[in-house]
């Protein structure tokens, strides 16, 4: 019986050591990275994550920017980022002559503009955590 107890202790010790030797955990995705992944937009040139996951630049579809992100993709991102209804209304009502617009909610600041030729353009910035 004693030998079985020693084997069990040895197996437990090996399991604990194996757990300690495993690769470090991946850093948690930021809200911007999670939104891009949730909409499956990671491989598009019109969607760009920057600043270590703390900024997101989106170029939308326009008459002269046919490679831009279509409305469905933008809509998905806005849903994933939980943009407030009031900000969605501001985005929907932005005209070319309005210039650049800005809104904040939670830890996110959004800046956007619109022109029918180039399409909508968004910059989302996430406040970096303070230690």
Protein backbone atom coordinates (compact mmCIF):
# COMPACT_ATOMS: atom_id res chain seq x y z
CA UNK A 1 0.00 0.00 0.00
CA UNK A 2 2.81 2.41 0.79
CA UNK A 3 4.22 2.17 -2.72
CA UNK A 4 0.87 3.19 -4.23
CA UNK A 5 0.81 6.26 -1.99
CA UNK A 6 4.29 7.22 -3.17
CA UNK A 7 3.31 6.75 -6.81
CA UNK A 8 0.25 8.95 -6.34
CA UNK A 9 2.37 11.67 -4.74
CA UNK A 10 4.93 11.39 -7.56
CA UNK A 11 2.23 11.66 -10.24
CA UNK A 12 0.69 14.67 -8.50
CA UNK A 13 4.10 16.37 -8.27
CA UNK A 14 4.76 15.73 -11.98
CA UNK A 15 1.35 17.15 -12.90
CA UNK A 16 2.03 20.29 -10.86
CA UNK A 17 5.46 20.73 -12.44
CA UNK A 18 4.03 20.25 -15.92
CA UNK A 19 1.47 22.96 -15.20
CA UNK A 20 4.21 25.33 -14.12
CA UNK A 21 6.24 24.66 -17.24
CA UNK A 22 3.41 25.43 -19.64
CA UNK A 23 3.60 28.43 -21.93
CA UNK A 24 2.51 31.78 -20.48
CA UNK A 25 -1.12 32.65 -21.09
CA UNK A 26 -1.95 34.84 -24.08
CA UNK A 27 -2.81 38.41 -23.11
CA UNK A 28 -6.54 39.08 -23.10
CA UNK A 29 -7.86 40.75 -26.25
CA UNK A 30 -8.87 44.39 -25.95
CA UNK A 31 -12.47 45.40 -26.70
CA UNK A 32 -11.37 46.62 -30.13
CA UNK A 33 -9.58 43.37 -30.98
CA UNK A 34 -12.55 41.36 -29.72
CA UNK A 35 -14.95 43.38 -31.89
CA UNK A 36 -12.85 42.80 -35.02
CA UNK A 37 -12.59 39.08 -34.24
CA UNK A 38 -16.31 38.85 -33.41
CA UNK A 39 -17.13 40.26 -36.85
CA UNK A 40 -14.45 38.10 -38.53
CA UNK A 41 -12.71 41.13 -40.06
CA UNK A 42 -9.11 40.37 -39.06
CA UNK A 43 -7.81 39.84 -42.60
CA UNK A 44 -9.33 42.89 -44.30
CA UNK A 45 -7.09 45.77 -45.38
CA UNK A 46 -9.88 48.25 -44.64
CA UNK A 47 -9.78 47.33 -40.92
CA UNK A 48 -6.57 47.96 -38.98
CA UNK A 49 -5.78 47.38 -35.31
CA UNK A 50 -2.94 49.53 -33.97
CA UNK A 51 -1.23 50.68 -30.81
CA UNK A 52 -1.12 47.21 -29.30
CA UNK A 53 -4.89 46.78 -29.62
CA UNK A 54 -5.81 50.24 -28.34
CA UNK A 55 -6.78 51.77 -31.69
CA UNK A 56 -8.90 50.62 -34.61
CA UNK A 57 -9.04 52.34 -38.00
CA UNK A 58 -11.88 51.48 -40.38
CA UNK A 59 -12.22 52.71 -43.96
CA UNK A 60 -15.74 52.19 -45.27
CA UNK A 61 -17.02 51.58 -48.77
CA UNK A 62 -17.49 54.63 -51.01
CA UNK A 63 -17.94 55.43 -54.70
CA UNK A 64 -14.16 55.73 -55.15
CA UNK A 65 -13.20 53.37 -52.34
CA UNK A 66 -14.72 50.10 -53.47
CA UNK A 67 -12.23 48.16 -51.32
CA UNK A 68 -13.70 49.76 -48.19
CA UNK A 69 -15.62 47.87 -45.54
CA UNK A 70 -19.29 47.44 -46.55
CA UNK A 71 -22.12 48.71 -44.35
CA UNK A 72 -22.76 45.23 -42.89
CA UNK A 73 -19.22 45.06 -41.51
CA UNK A 74 -19.41 48.55 -40.04
CA UNK A 75 -22.78 47.73 -38.50
CA UNK A 76 -21.34 44.58 -36.92
CA UNK A 77 -18.43 46.53 -35.42
CA UNK A 78 -20.74 49.20 -34.02
CA UNK A 79 -22.87 46.46 -32.42
CA UNK A 80 -19.83 44.68 -30.99
CA UNK A 81 -18.52 47.96 -29.55
CA UNK A 82 -21.93 48.66 -27.96
CA UNK A 83 -22.18 52.12 -29.48
CA UNK A 84 -25.02 54.04 -27.77
CA UNK A 85 -28.15 54.81 -29.80
CA UNK A 86 -27.47 58.55 -29.54
CA UNK A 87 -24.03 58.10 -31.13
CA UNK A 88 -25.46 55.81 -33.82
CA UNK A 89 -27.91 58.59 -34.71
CA UNK A 90 -25.03 61.08 -34.96
CA UNK A 91 -23.10 58.70 -37.22
CA UNK A 92 -26.17 58.12 -39.42
CA UNK A 93 -26.74 61.87 -39.78
CA UNK A 94 -23.14 62.86 -40.57
CA UNK A 95 -22.79 64.64 -43.92
CA UNK A 96 -19.65 65.44 -45.89
CA UNK A 97 -19.89 69.13 -44.95
CA UNK A 98 -20.00 68.27 -41.22
CA UNK A 99 -16.32 67.36 -41.11
CA UNK A 100 -14.87 65.15 -38.43
CA UNK A 101 -17.14 64.17 -35.53
CA UNK A 102 -16.29 62.69 -32.12
CA UNK A 103 -18.12 60.78 -29.39
CA UNK A 104 -17.14 58.96 -26.20
CA UNK A 105 -18.75 56.06 -24.33
CA UNK A 106 -17.23 53.84 -21.69
CA UNK A 107 -13.49 53.61 -22.38
CA UNK A 108 -13.91 54.26 -26.13
CA UNK A 109 -13.50 57.46 -28.12
CA UNK A 110 -14.72 57.37 -31.71
CA UNK A 111 -13.86 59.87 -34.40
CA UNK A 112 -15.51 59.65 -37.82
CA UNK A 113 -16.16 61.47 -41.05
CA UNK A 114 -18.13 60.74 -44.18
CA UNK A 115 -17.86 61.57 -47.86
CA UNK A 116 -19.84 59.75 -50.57
CA UNK A 117 -16.68 59.26 -52.65
CA UNK A 118 -14.39 57.89 -49.94
CA UNK A 119 -17.08 56.45 -47.66
CA UNK A 120 -17.19 56.60 -43.88
CA UNK A 121 -13.94 56.55 -41.95
CA UNK A 122 -13.69 55.70 -38.28
CA UNK A 123 -10.95 55.85 -35.67
CA UNK A 124 -11.77 54.10 -32.40
CA UNK A 125 -9.43 54.63 -29.47
CA UNK A 126 -9.52 52.65 -26.26
CA UNK A 127 -8.29 54.29 -23.06
CA UNK A 128 -5.22 52.43 -21.88
CA UNK A 129 -5.56 51.01 -18.39
CA UNK A 130 -3.75 52.85 -15.62
CA UNK A 131 -1.91 50.74 -13.08
